[in-house]
Amino acid sequence: MLKQLTAIIEKEKDGYVALCPEVDVASQGNTIAEARSNLKEALELFFEMASPEEIDARLHDEVYVTHIEIAVG
């Protein structure tokens, strides 16, 4: 079964951090592609090893990514 999940990738000092907000799983890598690949592997391991109860407790069905404009300073 295939499941489509969200990957948010953010630049940090020496690399990238990738987060899947649906299950709160994160990984990292030296490049965007590496961070994405490492997140995919971490997600596959999570779904393989987690109990059905843990998956149900952590899995959010709806995640929205958007921009918000605010005044700063």
PDB file of N, CA and C in Angstrom:
ATOM      1  N   MET A   1       0.837  -1.183   0.000  1.00  0.00           N
ATOM      2  CA  MET A   1       0.000   0.000   0.000  1.00  0.00           C
ATOM      3  C   MET A   1       0.885   1.250   0.000  1.00  0.00           C
ATOM      4  N   LEU A   2       0.567   2.189  -0.832  1.00  0.00           N
ATOM      5  CA  LEU A   2       1.298   3.454  -0.868  1.00  0.00           C
ATOM      6  C   LEU A   2       0.530   4.515  -0.100  1.00  0.00           C
ATOM      7  N   LYS A   3       1.249   5.352   0.619  1.00  0.00           N
ATOM      8  CA  LYS A   3       0.643   6.460   1.374  1.00  0.00           C
ATOM      9  C   LYS A   3       1.437   7.714   1.058  1.00  0.00           C
ATOM     10  N   GLN A   4       0.742   8.782   0.727  1.00  0.00           N
ATOM     11  CA  GLN A   4       1.409  10.046   0.434  1.00  0.00           C
ATOM     12  C   GLN A   4       1.484  10.866   1.715  1.00  0.00           C
ATOM     13  N   LEU A   5       2.693  11.284   2.069  1.00  0.00           N
ATOM     14  CA  LEU A   5       2.932  12.056   3.277  1.00  0.00           C
ATOM     15  C   LEU A   5       3.642  13.358   2.922  1.00  0.00           C
ATOM     16  N   THR A   6       3.676  14.280   3.862  1.00  0.00           N
ATOM     17  CA  THR A   6       4.306  15.586   3.675  1.00  0.00           C
ATOM     18  C   THR A   6       5.752  15.536   4.150  1.00  0.00           C
ATOM     19  N   ALA A   7       6.641  16.157   3.387  1.00  0.00           N
ATOM     20  CA  ALA A   7       8.034  16.317   3.810  1.00  0.00           C
ATOM     21  C   ALA A   7       8.343  17.813   3.811  1.00  0.00           C
ATOM     22  N   ILE A   8       8.695  18.332   4.972  1.00  0.00           N
ATOM     23  CA  ILE A   8       9.122  19.726   5.102  1.00  0.00           C
ATOM     24  C   ILE A   8      10.631  19.689   5.297  1.00  0.00           C
ATOM     25  N   ILE A   9      11.350  20.324   4.397  1.00  0.00           N
ATOM     26  CA  ILE A   9      12.820  20.293   4.444  1.00  0.00           C
ATOM     27  C   ILE A   9      13.318  21.704   4.681  1.00  0.00           C
ATOM     28  N   GLU A  10      14.164  21.841   5.698  1.00  0.00           N
ATOM     29  CA  GLU A  10      14.642  23.152   6.123  1.00  0.00           C
ATOM     30  C   GLU A  10      16.171  23.166   6.159  1.00  0.00           C
ATOM     31  N   LYS A  11      16.751  24.241   5.645  1.00  0.00           N
ATOM     32  CA  LYS A  11      18.209  24.409   5.668  1.00  0.00           C
ATOM     33  C   LYS A  11      18.653  24.715   7.082  1.00  0.00           C
ATOM     34  N   GLU A  12      19.672  24.030   7.531  1.00  0.00           N
ATOM     35  CA  GLU A  12      20.315  24.346   8.795  1.00  0.00           C
ATOM     36  C   GLU A  12      21.770  24.650   8.502  1.00  0.00           C
ATOM     37  N   LYS A  13      22.568  24.922   9.498  1.00  0.00           N
ATOM     38  CA  LYS A  13      23.950  25.371   9.304  1.00  0.00           C
ATOM     39  C   LYS A  13      24.710  24.547   8.269  1.00  0.00           C
ATOM     40  N   ASP A  14      24.872  23.261   8.521  1.00  0.00           N
ATOM     41  CA  ASP A  14      25.709  22.430   7.662  1.00  0.00           C
ATOM     42  C   ASP A  14      24.938  21.408   6.853  1.00  0.00           C
ATOM     43  N   GLY A  15      23.637  21.558   6.750  1.00  0.00           N
ATOM     44  CA  GLY A  15      22.867  20.554   6.022  1.00  0.00           C
ATOM     45  C   GLY A  15      21.392  20.883   6.022  1.00  0.00           C
ATOM     46  N   TYR A  16      20.575  19.844   5.966  1.00  0.00           N
ATOM     47  CA  TYR A  16      19.128  19.989   5.869  1.00  0.00           C
ATOM     48  C   TYR A  16      18.444  19.048   6.847  1.00  0.00           C
ATOM     49  N   VAL A  17      17.333  19.506   7.399  1.00  0.00           N
ATOM     50  CA  VAL A  17      16.508  18.692   8.284  1.00  0.00           C
ATOM     51  C   VAL A  17      15.181  18.471   7.580  1.00  0.00           C
ATOM     52  N   ALA A  18      14.719  17.242   7.558  1.00  0.00           N
ATOM     53  CA  ALA A  18      13.458  16.884   6.917  1.00  0.00           C
ATOM     54  C   ALA A  18      12.495  16.372   7.983  1.00  0.00           C
ATOM     55  N   LEU A  19      11.256  16.856   7.934  1.00  0.00           N
ATOM     56  CA  LEU A  19      10.233  16.494   8.915  1.00  0.00           C
ATOM     57  C   LEU A  19       8.972  16.043   8.206  1.00  0.00           C
ATOM     58  N   CYS A  20       8.378  14.986   8.700  1.00  0.00           N
ATOM     59  CA  CYS A  20       7.059  14.547   8.259  1.00  0.00           C
ATOM     60  C   CYS A  20       6.088  14.861   9.394  1.00  0.00           C
ATOM     61  N   PRO A  21       5.275  15.925   9.258  1.00  0.00           N
ATOM     62  CA  PRO A  21       4.396  16.324  10.359  1.00  0.00           C
ATOM     63  C   PRO A  21       3.254  15.356  10.624  1.00  0.00           C
ATOM     64  N   GLU A  22       2.875  14.527   9.661  1.00  0.00           N
ATOM     65  CA  GLU A  22       1.773  13.581   9.885  1.00  0.00           C
ATOM     66  C   GLU A  22       2.058  12.608  11.018  1.00  0.00           C
ATOM     67  N   VAL A  23       3.316  12.215  11.196  1.00  0.00           N
ATOM     68  CA  VAL A  23       3.668  11.257  12.254  1.00  0.00           C
ATOM     69  C   VAL A  23       4.802  11.755  13.141  1.00  0.00           C
ATOM     70  N   ASP A  24       5.228  13.001  12.925  1.00  0.00           N
ATOM     71  CA  ASP A  24       6.297  13.617  13.708  1.00  0.00           C
ATOM     72  C   ASP A  24       7.579  12.785  13.662  1.00  0.00           C
ATOM     73  N   VAL A  25       7.990  12.440  12.460  1.00  0.00           N
ATOM     74  CA  VAL A  25       9.242  11.728  12.227  1.00  0.00           C
ATOM     75  C   VAL A  25      10.174  12.679  11.478  1.00  0.00           C
ATOM     76  N   ALA A  26      11.435  12.730  11.890  1.00  0.00           N
ATOM     77  CA  ALA A  26      12.393  13.635  11.263  1.00  0.00           C
ATOM     78  C   ALA A  26      13.674  12.893  10.921  1.00  0.00           C
ATOM     79  N   SER A  27      14.439  13.478   9.998  1.00  0.00           N
ATOM     80  CA  SER A  27      15.757  12.971   9.642  1.00  0.00           C
ATOM     81  C   SER A  27      16.574  14.147   9.132  1.00  0.00           C
ATOM     82  N   GLN A  28      17.763  13.874   8.630  1.00  0.00           N
ATOM     83  CA  GLN A  28      18.634  14.950   8.152  1.00  0.00           C
ATOM     84  C   GLN A  28      19.539  14.436   7.050  1.00  0.00           C
ATOM     85  N   GLY A  29      20.221  15.367   6.387  1.00  0.00           N
ATOM     86  CA  GLY A  29      21.173  14.995   5.350  1.00  0.00           C
ATOM     87  C   GLY A  29      21.996  16.196   4.941  1.00  0.00           C
ATOM     88  N   ASN A  30      23.043  15.944   4.181  1.00  0.00           N
ATOM     89  CA  ASN A  30      23.917  17.023   3.715  1.00  0.00           C
ATOM     90  C   ASN A  30      23.325  17.801   2.550  1.00  0.00           C
ATOM     91  N   THR A  31      22.398  17.179   1.816  1.00  0.00           N
ATOM     92  CA  THR A  31      21.732  17.825   0.691  1.00  0.00           C
ATOM     93  C   THR A  31      20.225  17.630   0.855  1.00  0.00           C
ATOM     94  N   ILE A  32      19.447  18.365   0.062  1.00  0.00           N
ATOM     95  CA  ILE A  32      17.999  18.198   0.092  1.00  0.00           C
ATOM     96  C   ILE A  32      17.633  16.759  -0.282  1.00  0.00           C
ATOM     97  N   ALA A  33      18.248  16.257  -1.333  1.00  0.00           N
ATOM     98  CA  ALA A  33      17.946  14.893  -1.788  1.00  0.00           C
ATOM     99  C   ALA A  33      18.289  13.863  -0.716  1.00  0.00           C
ATOM    100  N   GLU A  34      19.407  14.050  -0.040  1.00  0.00           N
ATOM    101  CA  GLU A  34      19.809  13.109   1.007  1.00  0.00           C
ATOM    102  C   GLU A  34      18.860  13.188   2.199  1.00  0.00           C
ATOM    103  N   ALA A  35      18.470  14.401   2.588  1.00  0.00           N
ATOM    104  CA  ALA A  35      17.532  14.561   3.703  1.00  0.00           C
ATOM    105  C   ALA A  35      16.194  13.913   3.364  1.00  0.00           C
ATOM    106  N   ARG A  36      15.733  14.094   2.136  1.00  0.00           N
ATOM    107  CA  ARG A  36      14.463  13.495   1.698  1.00  0.00           C
ATOM    108  C   ARG A  36      14.559  11.969   1.705  1.00  0.00           C
ATOM    109  N   SER A  37      15.651  11.438   1.173  1.00  0.00           N
ATOM    110  CA  SER A  37      15.850   9.994   1.140  1.00  0.00           C
ATOM    111  C   SER A  37      15.938   9.408   2.547  1.00  0.00           C
ATOM    112  N   ASN A  38      16.646  10.094   3.432  1.00  0.00           N
ATOM    113  CA  ASN A  38      16.774   9.624   4.811  1.00  0.00           C
ATOM    114  C   ASN A  38      15.429   9.679   5.538  1.00  0.00           C
ATOM    115  N   LEU A  39      14.621  10.704   5.247  1.00  0.00           N
ATOM    116  CA  LEU A  39      13.289  10.783   5.842  1.00  0.00           C
ATOM    117  C   LEU A  39      12.418   9.639   5.339  1.00  0.00           C
ATOM    118  N   LYS A  40      12.489   9.351   4.061  1.00  0.00           N
ATOM    119  CA  LYS A  40      11.716   8.234   3.503  1.00  0.00           C
ATOM    120  C   LYS A  40      12.091   6.929   4.201  1.00  0.00           C
ATOM    121  N   GLU A  41      13.376   6.704   4.391  1.00  0.00           N
ATOM    122  CA  GLU A  41      13.831   5.489   5.083  1.00  0.00           C
ATOM    123  C   GLU A  41      13.334   5.465   6.528  1.00  0.00           C
ATOM    124  N   ALA A  42      13.404   6.605   7.220  1.00  0.00           N
ATOM    125  CA  ALA A  42      12.933   6.671   8.610  1.00  0.00           C
ATOM    126  C   ALA A  42      11.435   6.403   8.687  1.00  0.00           C
ATOM    127  N   LEU A  43      10.678   6.911   7.719  1.00  0.00           N
ATOM    128  CA  LEU A  43       9.233   6.676   7.699  1.00  0.00           C
ATOM    129  C   LEU A  43       8.913   5.213   7.435  1.00  0.00           C
ATOM    130  N   GLU A  44       9.633   4.608   6.507  1.00  0.00           N
ATOM    131  CA  GLU A  44       9.423   3.192   6.226  1.00  0.00           C
ATOM    132  C   GLU A  44       9.703   2.346   7.468  1.00  0.00           C
ATOM    133  N   LEU A  45      10.776   2.689   8.185  1.00  0.00           N
ATOM    134  CA  LEU A  45      11.094   1.965   9.421  1.00  0.00           C
ATOM    135  C   LEU A  45      10.031   2.189  10.487  1.00  0.00           C
ATOM    136  N   PHE A  46       9.546   3.429  10.590  1.00  0.00           N
ATOM    137  CA  PHE A  46       8.496   3.717  11.565  1.00  0.00           C
ATOM    138  C   PHE A  46       7.264   2.855  11.306  1.00  0.00           C
ATOM    139  N   PHE A  47       6.785   2.840  10.062  1.00  0.00           N
ATOM    140  CA  PHE A  47       5.576   2.084   9.752  1.00  0.00           C
ATOM    141  C   PHE A  47       5.806   0.574   9.855  1.00  0.00           C
ATOM    142  N   GLU A  48       7.040   0.135   9.663  1.00  0.00           N
ATOM    143  CA  GLU A  48       7.361  -1.288   9.800  1.00  0.00           C
ATOM    144  C   GLU A  48       7.415  -1.712  11.268  1.00  0.00           C
ATOM    145  N   MET A  49       7.952  -0.841  12.129  1.00  0.00           N
ATOM    146  CA  MET A  49       8.212  -1.231  13.515  1.00  0.00           C
ATOM    147  C   MET A  49       7.123  -0.801  14.507  1.00  0.00           C
ATOM    148  N   ALA A  50       6.385   0.251  14.213  1.00  0.00           N
ATOM    149  CA  ALA A  50       5.398   0.769  15.169  1.00  0.00           C
ATOM    150  C   ALA A  50       4.180  -0.146  15.233  1.00  0.00           C
ATOM    151  N   SER A  51       3.601  -0.198  16.398  1.00  0.00           N
ATOM    152  CA  SER A  51       2.370  -0.979  16.568  1.00  0.00           C
ATOM    153  C   SER A  51       1.218  -0.234  15.896  1.00  0.00           C
ATOM    154  N   PRO A  52       0.164  -0.943  15.537  1.00  0.00           N
ATOM    155  CA  PRO A  52      -1.010  -0.271  14.964  1.00  0.00           C
ATOM    156  C   PRO A  52      -1.562   0.823  15.889  1.00  0.00           C
ATOM    157  N   GLU A  53      -1.469   0.604  17.197  1.00  0.00           N
ATOM    158  CA  GLU A  53      -1.952   1.600  18.160  1.00  0.00           C
ATOM    159  C   GLU A  53      -1.106   2.871  18.116  1.00  0.00           C
ATOM    160  N   GLU A  54       0.215   2.708  18.011  1.00  0.00           N
ATOM    161  CA  GLU A  54       1.090   3.882  17.932  1.00  0.00           C
ATOM    162  C   GLU A  54       0.861   4.643  16.627  1.00  0.00           C
ATOM    163  N   ILE A  55       0.706   3.923  15.547  1.00  0.00           N
ATOM    164  CA  ILE A  55       0.430   4.574  14.260  1.00  0.00           C
ATOM    165  C   ILE A  55      -0.875   5.353  14.341  1.00  0.00           C
ATOM    166  N   ASP A  56      -1.924   4.749  14.875  1.00  0.00           N
ATOM    167  CA  ASP A  56      -3.212   5.435  15.012  1.00  0.00           C
ATOM    168  C   ASP A  56      -3.097   6.673  15.885  1.00  0.00           C
ATOM    169  N   ALA A  57      -2.302   6.589  16.969  1.00  0.00           N
ATOM    170  CA  ALA A  57      -2.160   7.715  17.892  1.00  0.00           C
ATOM    171  C   ALA A  57      -1.376   8.871  17.266  1.00  0.00           C
ATOM    172  N   ARG A  58      -0.406   8.564  16.402  1.00  0.00           N
ATOM    173  CA  ARG A  58       0.469   9.611  15.866  1.00  0.00           C
ATOM    174  C   ARG A  58       0.066  10.123  14.490  1.00  0.00           C
ATOM    175  N   LEU A  59      -0.672   9.341  13.735  1.00  0.00           N
ATOM    176  CA  LEU A  59      -0.962   9.692  12.348  1.00  0.00           C
ATOM    177  C   LEU A  59      -2.061  10.745  12.258  1.00  0.00           C
ATOM    178  N   HIS A  60      -1.722  11.894  11.687  1.00  0.00           N
ATOM    179  CA  HIS A  60      -2.682  12.969  11.430  1.00  0.00           C
ATOM    180  C   HIS A  60      -3.116  12.857   9.976  1.00  0.00           C
ATOM    181  N   ASP A  61      -4.416  12.783   9.745  1.00  0.00           N
ATOM    182  CA  ASP A  61      -4.927  12.613   8.384  1.00  0.00           C
ATOM    183  C   ASP A  61      -4.815  13.868   7.531  1.00  0.00           C
ATOM    184  N   GLU A  62      -4.894  15.027   8.162  1.00  0.00           N
ATOM    185  CA  GLU A  62      -4.865  16.274   7.393  1.00  0.00           C
ATOM    186  C   GLU A  62      -3.758  17.182   7.904  1.00  0.00           C
ATOM    187  N   VAL A  63      -2.865  17.565   7.013  1.00  0.00           N
ATOM    188  CA  VAL A  63      -1.799  18.515   7.319  1.00  0.00           C
ATOM    189  C   VAL A  63      -1.816  19.552   6.210  1.00  0.00           C
ATOM    190  N   TYR A  64      -1.800  20.814   6.590  1.00  0.00           N
ATOM    191  CA  TYR A  64      -1.823  21.893   5.608  1.00  0.00           C
ATOM    192  C   TYR A  64      -0.548  22.703   5.740  1.00  0.00           C
ATOM    193  N   VAL A  65       0.100  22.961   4.621  1.00  0.00           N
ATOM    194  CA  VAL A  65       1.304  23.789   4.593  1.00  0.00           C
ATOM    195  C   VAL A  65       0.936  25.056   3.846  1.00  0.00           C
ATOM    196  N   THR A  66       1.134  26.194   4.491  1.00  0.00           N
ATOM    197  CA  THR A  66       0.760  27.470   3.893  1.00  0.00           C
ATOM    198  C   THR A  66       1.725  28.552   4.369  1.00  0.00           C
ATOM    199  N   HIS A  67       1.579  29.744   3.854  1.00  0.00           N
ATOM    200  CA  HIS A  67       2.370  30.890   4.279  1.00  0.00           C
ATOM    201  C   HIS A  67       1.485  31.864   5.030  1.00  0.00           C
ATOM    202  N   ILE A  68       2.048  32.532   6.009  1.00  0.00           N
ATOM    203  CA  ILE A  68       1.333  33.549   6.775  1.00  0.00           C
ATOM    204  C   ILE A  68       2.192  34.818   6.752  1.00  0.00           C
ATOM    205  N   GLU A  69       1.569  35.945   6.468  1.00  0.00           N
ATOM    206  CA  GLU A  69       2.286  37.220   6.444  1.00  0.00           C
ATOM    207  C   GLU A  69       2.058  37.946   7.754  1.00  0.00           C
ATOM    208  N   ILE A  70       3.166  38.391   8.394  1.00  0.00           N
ATOM    209  CA  ILE A  70       3.064  39.130   9.657  1.00  0.00           C
ATOM    210  C   ILE A  70       3.973  40.355   9.590  1.00  0.00           C
ATOM    211  N   ALA A  71       3.676  41.324  10.408  1.00  0.00           N
ATOM    212  CA  ALA A  71       4.539  42.508  10.532  1.00  0.00           C
ATOM    213  C   ALA A  71       5.611  42.184  11.567  1.00  0.00           C
ATOM    214  N   VAL A  72       6.850  42.534  11.259  1.00  0.00           N
ATOM    215  CA  VAL A  72       7.959  42.261  12.151  1.00  0.00           C
ATOM    216  C   VAL A  72       8.710  43.569  12.406  1.00  0.00           C
ATOM    217  N   GLY A  73       9.123  43.743  13.635  1.00  0.00           N
ATOM    218  CA  GLY A  73       9.966  44.870  13.972  1.00  0.00           C
ATOM    219  C   GLY A  73       9.245  46.135  14.015  1.00  0.00           C
TER     220      GLY A  73
END
